[in-house]
């Protein structure tokens, strides 16, 4: 994965990290990357991991990797404790994210470093840490107020990377989780990203969470400034649920899942394809 990140940075594109919690979502993502021949990161949050099963999604990813011969990586998204991240490591995840953004700096550093040490011992090549606080949730919401103290401090970012040894860094630069109901999500603080990129340099890959709803021009500029991974979840959930509702409404007497779900898979796949093209990772195996 680190080689993929380095290649992305050098060539000014980013890898999409798409969340999945069931077979339909996973199938949609795989069909999109197979069509566009793009590397991809399949992410599962704590709740998603628990629902689909860590060992089960590991087996599914292995099957799809063998079938497609594409770089497909399994990633734990927003692990909130050492124990949760450890479980993902033991289950064979390729990459893990410890989200200590709600902790004070020193405690965040301490736990992140402990996870980095364990991951390296187990042969995991990418550990993602987080500094700065992302507001919102992976859903549709009225509004989210971004505060100055939420944003990642560039000097602290460098200190965090050097003290923990993380391979990638998730930041708060005006991005949020989720999408706004009646307006575009806020613009990114691209000047802040530029400062962090200059400070951190090649010490860690830069990650943008909250890829759903973020203005497309901001995402393009963020990739130019060094973002190598963009996370997308809420837009996939919305595509899934809206298509499922429509499928059930249009076919009220249908009870066969494999006849209900194709338009759902198609809707999610469409979003993934659009994001891959936006991130410019198309045809980059």
C-alpha atoms as a PDB file:
ATOM      1  CA  UNK A   1       0.000   0.000   0.000  1.00  0.00           C
ATOM      2  CA  UNK A   2       2.845   2.423   0.770  1.00  0.00           C
ATOM      3  CA  UNK A   3       4.211   1.923  -2.743  1.00  0.00           C
ATOM      4  CA  UNK A   4       0.742   2.690  -4.118  1.00  0.00           C
ATOM      5  CA  UNK A   5       0.573   5.852  -1.985  1.00  0.00           C
ATOM      6  CA  UNK A   6       4.008   6.990  -3.154  1.00  0.00           C
ATOM      7  CA  UNK A   7       3.048   6.432  -6.781  1.00  0.00           C
ATOM      8  CA  UNK A   8      -0.181   8.374  -6.211  1.00  0.00           C
ATOM      9  CA  UNK A   9       1.677  11.317  -4.685  1.00  0.00           C
ATOM     10  CA  UNK A  10       4.247  11.431  -7.465  1.00  0.00           C
ATOM     11  CA  UNK A  11       1.572  11.330 -10.168  1.00  0.00           C
ATOM     12  CA  UNK A  12      -1.002  13.591  -8.448  1.00  0.00           C
ATOM     13  CA  UNK A  13      -3.880  11.191  -7.939  1.00  0.00           C
ATOM     14  CA  UNK A  14      -5.507   9.562  -4.914  1.00  0.00           C
ATOM     15  CA  UNK A  15      -6.759   6.118  -3.970  1.00  0.00           C
ATOM     16  CA  UNK A  16     -10.411   5.816  -3.008  1.00  0.00           C
ATOM     17  CA  UNK A  17     -11.219   4.196   0.334  1.00  0.00           C
ATOM     18  CA  UNK A  18     -14.816   3.006   0.138  1.00  0.00           C
ATOM     19  CA  UNK A  19     -16.738   1.602   3.097  1.00  0.00           C
ATOM     20  CA  UNK A  20     -18.644  -1.663   2.868  1.00  0.00           C
ATOM     21  CA  UNK A  21     -20.686  -3.564   5.426  1.00  0.00           C
ATOM     22  CA  UNK A  22     -22.376  -6.221   3.281  1.00  0.00           C
ATOM     23  CA  UNK A  23     -21.898  -8.241   0.109  1.00  0.00           C
ATOM     24  CA  UNK A  24     -23.928  -5.878  -2.098  1.00  0.00           C
ATOM     25  CA  UNK A  25     -21.790  -2.856  -1.218  1.00  0.00           C
ATOM     26  CA  UNK A  26     -18.601  -4.850  -1.620  1.00  0.00           C
ATOM     27  CA  UNK A  27     -19.746  -6.274  -4.964  1.00  0.00           C
ATOM     28  CA  UNK A  28     -20.548  -2.758  -6.224  1.00  0.00           C
ATOM     29  CA  UNK A  29     -17.109  -1.440  -5.279  1.00  0.00           C
ATOM     30  CA  UNK A  30     -15.317  -4.394  -6.853  1.00  0.00           C
ATOM     31  CA  UNK A  31     -17.317  -4.125 -10.079  1.00  0.00           C
ATOM     32  CA  UNK A  32     -16.379  -0.442 -10.325  1.00  0.00           C
ATOM     33  CA  UNK A  33     -12.648  -0.975  -9.809  1.00  0.00           C
ATOM     34  CA  UNK A  34     -12.664  -3.970 -12.147  1.00  0.00           C
ATOM     35  CA  UNK A  35     -14.288  -1.858 -14.848  1.00  0.00           C
ATOM     36  CA  UNK A  36     -11.889   1.062 -14.386  1.00  0.00           C
ATOM     37  CA  UNK A  37      -8.816  -1.011 -13.444  1.00  0.00           C
ATOM     38  CA  UNK A  38      -8.094   1.062 -10.363  1.00  0.00           C
ATOM     39  CA  UNK A  39      -6.443   0.169  -7.059  1.00  0.00           C
ATOM     40  CA  UNK A  40      -8.868   0.429  -4.154  1.00  0.00           C
ATOM     41  CA  UNK A  41      -9.091   0.365  -0.379  1.00  0.00           C
ATOM     42  CA  UNK A  42     -12.113  -1.401   1.125  1.00  0.00           C
ATOM     43  CA  UNK A  43     -12.821   0.116   4.529  1.00  0.00           C
ATOM     44  CA  UNK A  44     -14.906  -1.161   7.396  1.00  0.00           C
ATOM     45  CA  UNK A  45     -15.693   0.914  10.465  1.00  0.00           C
ATOM     46  CA  UNK A  46     -16.039  -0.661  13.902  1.00  0.00           C
ATOM     47  CA  UNK A  47     -19.766  -1.211  13.353  1.00  0.00           C
ATOM     48  CA  UNK A  48     -19.345  -2.416   9.775  1.00  0.00           C
ATOM     49  CA  UNK A  49     -16.574  -4.817  10.812  1.00  0.00           C
ATOM     50  CA  UNK A  50     -18.771  -6.268  13.530  1.00  0.00           C
ATOM     51  CA  UNK A  51     -21.739  -6.685  11.165  1.00  0.00           C
ATOM     52  CA  UNK A  52     -20.008  -8.350   8.225  1.00  0.00           C
ATOM     53  CA  UNK A  53     -17.301 -10.086  10.287  1.00  0.00           C
ATOM     54  CA  UNK A  54     -13.597  -9.300  10.134  1.00  0.00           C
ATOM     55  CA  UNK A  55     -12.484 -12.773   9.068  1.00  0.00           C
ATOM     56  CA  UNK A  56     -15.359 -13.043   6.614  1.00  0.00           C
ATOM     57  CA  UNK A  57     -14.554  -9.826   4.772  1.00  0.00           C
ATOM     58  CA  UNK A  58     -10.882 -10.803   4.745  1.00  0.00           C
ATOM     59  CA  UNK A  59     -11.848 -14.010   2.918  1.00  0.00           C
ATOM     60  CA  UNK A  60     -14.079 -12.116   0.479  1.00  0.00           C
ATOM     61  CA  UNK A  61     -11.321  -9.606  -0.315  1.00  0.00           C
ATOM     62  CA  UNK A  62      -8.859 -12.436  -0.934  1.00  0.00           C
ATOM     63  CA  UNK A  63     -11.318 -14.033  -3.337  1.00  0.00           C
ATOM     64  CA  UNK A  64     -11.814 -10.784  -5.269  1.00  0.00           C
ATOM     65  CA  UNK A  65      -8.058 -10.106  -5.370  1.00  0.00           C
ATOM     66  CA  UNK A  66      -7.488 -13.507  -6.939  1.00  0.00           C
ATOM     67  CA  UNK A  67     -10.306 -12.944  -9.443  1.00  0.00           C
ATOM     68  CA  UNK A  68      -9.355  -9.400 -10.520  1.00  0.00           C
ATOM     69  CA  UNK A  69      -5.568  -9.391 -10.021  1.00  0.00           C
ATOM     70  CA  UNK A  70      -5.916  -5.777  -8.789  1.00  0.00           C
ATOM     71  CA  UNK A  71      -4.387  -4.058  -5.750  1.00  0.00           C
ATOM     72  CA  UNK A  72      -7.277  -4.355  -3.271  1.00  0.00           C
ATOM     73  CA  UNK A  73      -6.544  -3.537   0.365  1.00  0.00           C
ATOM     74  CA  UNK A  74      -8.660  -4.151   3.481  1.00  0.00           C
ATOM     75  CA  UNK A  75      -8.593  -1.271   5.945  1.00  0.00           C
ATOM     76  CA  UNK A  76     -10.027  -0.698   9.425  1.00  0.00           C
ATOM     77  CA  UNK A  77     -11.623   2.750   9.486  1.00  0.00           C
ATOM     78  CA  UNK A  78     -11.840   4.771  12.716  1.00  0.00           C
ATOM     79  CA  UNK A  79     -10.770   2.180  15.245  1.00  0.00           C
ATOM     80  CA  UNK A  80     -11.450   3.945  18.538  1.00  0.00           C
ATOM     81  CA  UNK A  81      -9.421   1.787  20.909  1.00  0.00           C
ATOM     82  CA  UNK A  82      -6.260  -0.294  20.994  1.00  0.00           C
ATOM     83  CA  UNK A  83      -8.338  -3.449  21.443  1.00  0.00           C
ATOM     84  CA  UNK A  84     -10.507  -2.821  18.360  1.00  0.00           C
ATOM     85  CA  UNK A  85      -7.461  -2.151  16.193  1.00  0.00           C
ATOM     86  CA  UNK A  86      -5.688  -5.196  17.596  1.00  0.00           C
ATOM     87  CA  UNK A  87      -8.651  -7.392  16.588  1.00  0.00           C
ATOM     88  CA  UNK A  88      -8.394  -6.125  13.002  1.00  0.00           C
ATOM     89  CA  UNK A  89      -4.655  -6.768  12.960  1.00  0.00           C
ATOM     90  CA  UNK A  90      -5.187 -10.326  14.211  1.00  0.00           C
ATOM     91  CA  UNK A  91      -7.914 -10.857  11.581  1.00  0.00           C
ATOM     92  CA  UNK A  92      -5.447 -10.064   8.796  1.00  0.00           C
ATOM     93  CA  UNK A  93      -6.359  -6.520   7.775  1.00  0.00           C
ATOM     94  CA  UNK A  94      -3.807  -4.916   5.438  1.00  0.00           C
ATOM     95  CA  UNK A  95      -4.103  -1.499   7.031  1.00  0.00           C
ATOM     96  CA  UNK A  96      -5.511  -0.017  10.247  1.00  0.00           C
ATOM     97  CA  UNK A  97      -6.625   3.410  11.396  1.00  0.00           C
ATOM     98  CA  UNK A  98      -6.550   4.431  15.043  1.00  0.00           C
ATOM     99  CA  UNK A  99      -8.737   7.464  15.626  1.00  0.00           C
ATOM    100  CA  UNK A 100      -7.459   9.149  18.766  1.00  0.00           C
ATOM    101  CA  UNK A 101      -8.699  12.572  17.685  1.00  0.00           C
ATOM    102  CA  UNK A 102     -10.899  12.955  20.766  1.00  0.00           C
ATOM    103  CA  UNK A 103      -7.960  12.285  23.108  1.00  0.00           C
ATOM    104  CA  UNK A 104      -5.420  14.816  24.275  1.00  0.00           C
ATOM    105  CA  UNK A 105      -2.249  14.966  22.195  1.00  0.00           C
ATOM    106  CA  UNK A 106      -0.008  12.926  24.483  1.00  0.00           C
ATOM    107  CA  UNK A 107      -2.509  10.103  24.974  1.00  0.00           C
ATOM    108  CA  UNK A 108      -3.194  10.016  21.234  1.00  0.00           C
ATOM    109  CA  UNK A 109       0.545   9.723  20.593  1.00  0.00           C
ATOM    110  CA  UNK A 110       0.979   7.019  23.221  1.00  0.00           C
ATOM    111  CA  UNK A 111      -1.762   4.705  21.944  1.00  0.00           C
ATOM    112  CA  UNK A 112      -0.966   5.341  18.281  1.00  0.00           C
ATOM    113  CA  UNK A 113       2.697   4.464  18.854  1.00  0.00           C
ATOM    114  CA  UNK A 114       1.672   1.278  20.648  1.00  0.00           C
ATOM    115  CA  UNK A 115      -0.479   0.313  17.650  1.00  0.00           C
ATOM    116  CA  UNK A 116       2.312   1.138  15.200  1.00  0.00           C
ATOM    117  CA  UNK A 117       4.687  -1.147  17.109  1.00  0.00           C
ATOM    118  CA  UNK A 118       2.171  -4.018  17.130  1.00  0.00           C
ATOM    119  CA  UNK A 119       1.294  -3.565  13.454  1.00  0.00           C
ATOM    120  CA  UNK A 120       4.926  -3.597  12.337  1.00  0.00           C
ATOM    121  CA  UNK A 121       5.552  -6.693  14.419  1.00  0.00           C
ATOM    122  CA  UNK A 122       2.677  -8.384  12.564  1.00  0.00           C
ATOM    123  CA  UNK A 123       3.872  -7.223   9.142  1.00  0.00           C
ATOM    124  CA  UNK A 124       1.219  -4.560   8.491  1.00  0.00           C
ATOM    125  CA  UNK A 125       2.637  -1.862   6.228  1.00  0.00           C
ATOM    126  CA  UNK A 126       0.181   0.993   6.790  1.00  0.00           C
ATOM    127  CA  UNK A 127      -0.949   2.456  10.095  1.00  0.00           C
ATOM    128  CA  UNK A 128      -3.065   5.582   9.865  1.00  0.00           C
ATOM    129  CA  UNK A 129      -3.203   8.027  12.744  1.00  0.00           C
ATOM    130  CA  UNK A 130      -5.479  11.009  13.171  1.00  0.00           C
ATOM    131  CA  UNK A 131      -4.886  14.506  14.472  1.00  0.00           C
ATOM    132  CA  UNK A 132      -7.549  17.206  14.539  1.00  0.00           C
ATOM    133  CA  UNK A 133     -11.265  16.732  15.112  1.00  0.00           C
ATOM    134  CA  UNK A 134     -13.763  15.938  12.341  1.00  0.00           C
ATOM    135  CA  UNK A 135     -17.305  16.880  13.243  1.00  0.00           C
ATOM    136  CA  UNK A 136     -20.462  15.262  11.891  1.00  0.00           C
ATOM    137  CA  UNK A 137     -21.435  11.655  11.251  1.00  0.00           C
ATOM    138  CA  UNK A 138     -21.842   9.386   8.224  1.00  0.00           C
ATOM    139  CA  UNK A 139     -25.410  10.506   7.529  1.00  0.00           C
ATOM    140  CA  UNK A 140     -27.463  13.419   6.192  1.00  0.00           C
ATOM    141  CA  UNK A 141     -27.454  16.323   8.660  1.00  0.00           C
ATOM    142  CA  UNK A 142     -28.717  19.899   8.862  1.00  0.00           C
ATOM    143  CA  UNK A 143     -25.402  21.633   9.524  1.00  0.00           C
ATOM    144  CA  UNK A 144     -22.081  21.221  11.286  1.00  0.00           C
ATOM    145  CA  UNK A 145     -20.107  24.069  12.812  1.00  0.00           C
ATOM    146  CA  UNK A 146     -16.366  23.817  12.197  1.00  0.00           C
ATOM    147  CA  UNK A 147     -14.280  25.474  14.874  1.00  0.00           C
ATOM    148  CA  UNK A 148     -10.732  26.780  14.619  1.00  0.00           C
ATOM    149  CA  UNK A 149      -9.574  24.437  17.373  1.00  0.00           C
ATOM    150  CA  UNK A 150     -10.807  21.449  15.343  1.00  0.00           C
ATOM    151  CA  UNK A 151      -8.234  22.015  12.607  1.00  0.00           C
ATOM    152  CA  UNK A 152      -4.943  20.140  12.494  1.00  0.00           C
ATOM    153  CA  UNK A 153      -1.955  22.235  13.500  1.00  0.00           C
ATOM    154  CA  UNK A 154       0.905  21.770  10.984  1.00  0.00           C
ATOM    155  CA  UNK A 155       3.669  21.775  13.615  1.00  0.00           C
ATOM    156  CA  UNK A 156       1.736  19.330  15.773  1.00  0.00           C
ATOM    157  CA  UNK A 157       1.192  17.163  12.697  1.00  0.00           C
ATOM    158  CA  UNK A 158       4.939  16.842  12.178  1.00  0.00           C
ATOM    159  CA  UNK A 159       5.519  16.136  15.873  1.00  0.00           C
ATOM    160  CA  UNK A 160       2.757  13.509  15.836  1.00  0.00           C
ATOM    161  CA  UNK A 161       4.167  11.723  12.783  1.00  0.00           C
ATOM    162  CA  UNK A 162       7.710  11.722  14.156  1.00  0.00           C
ATOM    163  CA  UNK A 163       6.713  10.517  17.637  1.00  0.00           C
ATOM    164  CA  UNK A 164       4.324   7.777  16.487  1.00  0.00           C
ATOM    165  CA  UNK A 165       5.915   6.545  13.265  1.00  0.00           C
ATOM    166  CA  UNK A 166       2.552   6.402  11.466  1.00  0.00           C
ATOM    167  CA  UNK A 167       2.602   5.762   7.734  1.00  0.00           C
ATOM    168  CA  UNK A 168      -0.388   7.972   6.954  1.00  0.00           C
ATOM    169  CA  UNK A 169      -2.154  10.860   8.644  1.00  0.00           C
ATOM    170  CA  UNK A 170      -5.835  11.788   8.689  1.00  0.00           C
ATOM    171  CA  UNK A 171      -6.379  15.508   9.250  1.00  0.00           C
ATOM    172  CA  UNK A 172      -9.080  18.071   9.949  1.00  0.00           C
ATOM    173  CA  UNK A 173      -8.878  20.796   7.301  1.00  0.00           C
ATOM    174  CA  UNK A 174     -12.523  21.848   7.110  1.00  0.00           C
ATOM    175  CA  UNK A 175     -13.747  18.401   6.067  1.00  0.00           C
ATOM    176  CA  UNK A 176     -16.644  16.761   7.920  1.00  0.00           C
ATOM    177  CA  UNK A 177     -18.282  13.365   8.178  1.00  0.00           C
ATOM    178  CA  UNK A 178     -21.586  13.097   6.316  1.00  0.00           C
ATOM    179  CA  UNK A 179     -23.405  15.465   3.971  1.00  0.00           C
ATOM    180  CA  UNK A 180     -25.592  18.534   4.497  1.00  0.00           C
ATOM    181  CA  UNK A 181     -29.308  18.178   3.782  1.00  0.00           C
ATOM    182  CA  UNK A 182     -29.921  21.449   1.938  1.00  0.00           C
ATOM    183  CA  UNK A 183     -26.509  22.866   1.071  1.00  0.00           C
ATOM    184  CA  UNK A 184     -23.069  21.955  -0.196  1.00  0.00           C
ATOM    185  CA  UNK A 185     -20.600  20.763   2.407  1.00  0.00           C
ATOM    186  CA  UNK A 186     -18.112  23.420   3.563  1.00  0.00           C
ATOM    187  CA  UNK A 187     -15.012  24.201   1.553  1.00  0.00           C
ATOM    188  CA  UNK A 188     -11.672  22.832   2.649  1.00  0.00           C
ATOM    189  CA  UNK A 189      -9.015  25.033   4.228  1.00  0.00           C
ATOM    190  CA  UNK A 190      -6.550  24.370   1.440  1.00  0.00           C
ATOM    191  CA  UNK A 191      -3.965  26.790   2.824  1.00  0.00           C
ATOM    192  CA  UNK A 192      -3.867  24.710   6.002  1.00  0.00           C
ATOM    193  CA  UNK A 193      -3.434  21.537   3.948  1.00  0.00           C
ATOM    194  CA  UNK A 194      -0.562  23.173   2.059  1.00  0.00           C
ATOM    195  CA  UNK A 195       1.176  24.015   5.339  1.00  0.00           C
ATOM    196  CA  UNK A 196       0.737  20.471   6.652  1.00  0.00           C
ATOM    197  CA  UNK A 197       1.997  19.004   3.383  1.00  0.00           C
ATOM    198  CA  UNK A 198       5.141  21.156   3.488  1.00  0.00           C
ATOM    199  CA  UNK A 199       5.742  20.305   7.132  1.00  0.00           C
ATOM    200  CA  UNK A 200       5.154  16.548   6.934  1.00  0.00           C
ATOM    201  CA  UNK A 201       6.696  16.074   3.477  1.00  0.00           C
ATOM    202  CA  UNK A 202       7.400  12.437   2.660  1.00  0.00           C
ATOM    203  CA  UNK A 203       7.225  11.283   6.273  1.00  0.00           C
ATOM    204  CA  UNK A 204       3.588  10.157   5.947  1.00  0.00           C
ATOM    205  CA  UNK A 205       0.842   9.933   3.339  1.00  0.00           C
ATOM    206  CA  UNK A 206      -1.931  12.496   3.789  1.00  0.00           C
ATOM    207  CA  UNK A 207      -5.517  11.270   4.078  1.00  0.00           C
ATOM    208  CA  UNK A 208      -8.770  13.138   3.501  1.00  0.00           C
ATOM    209  CA  UNK A 209     -11.738  11.810   5.438  1.00  0.00           C
ATOM    210  CA  UNK A 210     -15.213  13.074   4.612  1.00  0.00           C
ATOM    211  CA  UNK A 211     -14.994  12.664   0.837  1.00  0.00           C
ATOM    212  CA  UNK A 212     -18.793  12.572   0.600  1.00  0.00           C
ATOM    213  CA  UNK A 213     -20.247  15.965  -0.266  1.00  0.00           C
ATOM    214  CA  UNK A 214     -16.932  17.825  -0.294  1.00  0.00           C
ATOM    215  CA  UNK A 215     -16.796  20.210  -3.282  1.00  0.00           C
ATOM    216  CA  UNK A 216     -15.149  18.419  -6.212  1.00  0.00           C
ATOM    217  CA  UNK A 217     -12.825  21.313  -7.012  1.00  0.00           C
ATOM    218  CA  UNK A 218     -11.553  21.240  -3.437  1.00  0.00           C
ATOM    219  CA  UNK A 219     -10.851  17.518  -3.709  1.00  0.00           C
ATOM    220  CA  UNK A 220      -8.910  18.054  -6.937  1.00  0.00           C
ATOM    221  CA  UNK A 221      -6.840  20.821  -5.326  1.00  0.00           C
ATOM    222  CA  UNK A 222      -6.292  18.718  -2.206  1.00  0.00           C
ATOM    223  CA  UNK A 223      -4.876  15.909  -4.341  1.00  0.00           C
ATOM    224  CA  UNK A 224      -2.563  18.437  -6.006  1.00  0.00           C
ATOM    225  CA  UNK A 225      -1.381  19.411  -2.517  1.00  0.00           C
ATOM    226  CA  UNK A 226      -0.497  15.840  -1.546  1.00  0.00           C
ATOM    227  CA  UNK A 227      -3.633  13.929  -0.508  1.00  0.00           C
ATOM    228  CA  UNK A 228      -3.128  10.271  -1.490  1.00  0.00           C
ATOM    229  CA  UNK A 229      -6.238   8.655   0.025  1.00  0.00           C
ATOM    230  CA  UNK A 230      -9.829   9.903   0.082  1.00  0.00           C
ATOM    231  CA  UNK A 231     -12.492   8.226   2.219  1.00  0.00           C
ATOM    232  CA  UNK A 232     -16.075   7.883   0.984  1.00  0.00           C
ATOM    233  CA  UNK A 233     -18.921   6.367   2.970  1.00  0.00           C
ATOM    234  CA  UNK A 234     -22.086   8.482   3.302  1.00  0.00           C
ATOM    235  CA  UNK A 235     -22.699   8.854  -0.442  1.00  0.00           C
ATOM    236  CA  UNK A 236     -22.512   5.071  -0.802  1.00  0.00           C
ATOM    237  CA  UNK A 237     -25.002   4.601   2.034  1.00  0.00           C
ATOM    238  CA  UNK A 238     -27.390   7.111   0.496  1.00  0.00           C
ATOM    239  CA  UNK A 239     -27.169   5.486  -2.947  1.00  0.00           C
ATOM    240  CA  UNK A 240     -27.764   2.087  -1.354  1.00  0.00           C
ATOM    241  CA  UNK A 241     -30.795   3.037   0.741  1.00  0.00           C
ATOM    242  CA  UNK A 242     -32.471   5.188  -1.912  1.00  0.00           C
ATOM    243  CA  UNK A 243     -32.112   2.480  -4.567  1.00  0.00           C
ATOM    244  CA  UNK A 244     -33.351  -0.191  -2.164  1.00  0.00           C
ATOM    245  CA  UNK A 245     -36.441   1.854  -1.298  1.00  0.00           C
ATOM    246  CA  UNK A 246     -37.167   2.378  -4.987  1.00  0.00           C
ATOM    247  CA  UNK A 247     -36.682  -1.294  -5.788  1.00  0.00           C
ATOM    248  CA  UNK A 248     -39.137  -2.309  -3.072  1.00  0.00           C
ATOM    249  CA  UNK A 249     -41.649   0.356  -4.057  1.00  0.00           C
ATOM    250  CA  UNK A 250     -41.511  -0.579  -7.734  1.00  0.00           C
ATOM    251  CA  UNK A 251     -41.793  -4.306  -6.978  1.00  0.00           C
ATOM    252  CA  UNK A 252     -43.961  -4.586  -3.832  1.00  0.00           C
ATOM    253  CA  UNK A 253     -44.684  -8.282  -4.356  1.00  0.00           C
ATOM    254  CA  UNK A 254     -41.072  -9.275  -4.987  1.00  0.00           C
ATOM    255  CA  UNK A 255     -39.520 -11.377  -2.211  1.00  0.00           C
ATOM    256  CA  UNK A 256     -36.409 -12.719  -3.953  1.00  0.00           C
ATOM    257  CA  UNK A 257     -33.307 -10.844  -2.768  1.00  0.00           C
ATOM    258  CA  UNK A 258     -31.238 -11.460  -5.912  1.00  0.00           C
ATOM    259  CA  UNK A 259     -34.020  -9.832  -7.926  1.00  0.00           C
ATOM    260  CA  UNK A 260     -34.408  -6.875  -5.536  1.00  0.00           C
ATOM    261  CA  UNK A 261     -30.719  -6.024  -5.149  1.00  0.00           C
ATOM    262  CA  UNK A 262     -29.271  -5.540  -8.676  1.00  0.00           C
ATOM    263  CA  UNK A 263     -30.374  -1.895  -8.968  1.00  0.00           C
ATOM    264  CA  UNK A 264     -28.952  -1.290  -5.489  1.00  0.00           C
ATOM    265  CA  UNK A 265     -25.563  -2.658  -6.534  1.00  0.00           C
ATOM    266  CA  UNK A 266     -25.746  -0.610  -9.725  1.00  0.00           C
ATOM    267  CA  UNK A 267     -26.478   2.616  -7.787  1.00  0.00           C
ATOM    268  CA  UNK A 268     -23.535   2.147  -5.439  1.00  0.00           C
ATOM    269  CA  UNK A 269     -21.248   1.157  -8.305  1.00  0.00           C
ATOM    270  CA  UNK A 270     -22.130   4.368 -10.143  1.00  0.00           C
ATOM    271  CA  UNK A 271     -21.017   6.498  -7.173  1.00  0.00           C
ATOM    272  CA  UNK A 272     -17.763   4.561  -6.828  1.00  0.00           C
ATOM    273  CA  UNK A 273     -16.990   4.990 -10.522  1.00  0.00           C
ATOM    274  CA  UNK A 274     -17.619   8.741 -10.315  1.00  0.00           C
ATOM    275  CA  UNK A 275     -15.272   9.035  -7.340  1.00  0.00           C
ATOM    276  CA  UNK A 276     -12.521   6.979  -8.969  1.00  0.00           C
ATOM    277  CA  UNK A 277     -12.639   9.287 -11.983  1.00  0.00           C
ATOM    278  CA  UNK A 278     -12.585  12.333  -9.688  1.00  0.00           C
ATOM    279  CA  UNK A 279      -9.584  10.949  -7.794  1.00  0.00           C
ATOM    280  CA  UNK A 280      -7.882  10.181 -11.148  1.00  0.00           C
ATOM    281  CA  UNK A 281      -6.814   6.663 -10.157  1.00  0.00           C
ATOM    282  CA  UNK A 282      -8.561   5.156 -13.212  1.00  0.00           C
ATOM    283  CA  UNK A 283      -6.434   2.641 -15.160  1.00  0.00           C
ATOM    284  CA  UNK A 284      -3.588   2.690 -12.619  1.00  0.00           C
ATOM    285  CA  UNK A 285      -3.219  -0.936 -11.451  1.00  0.00           C
END
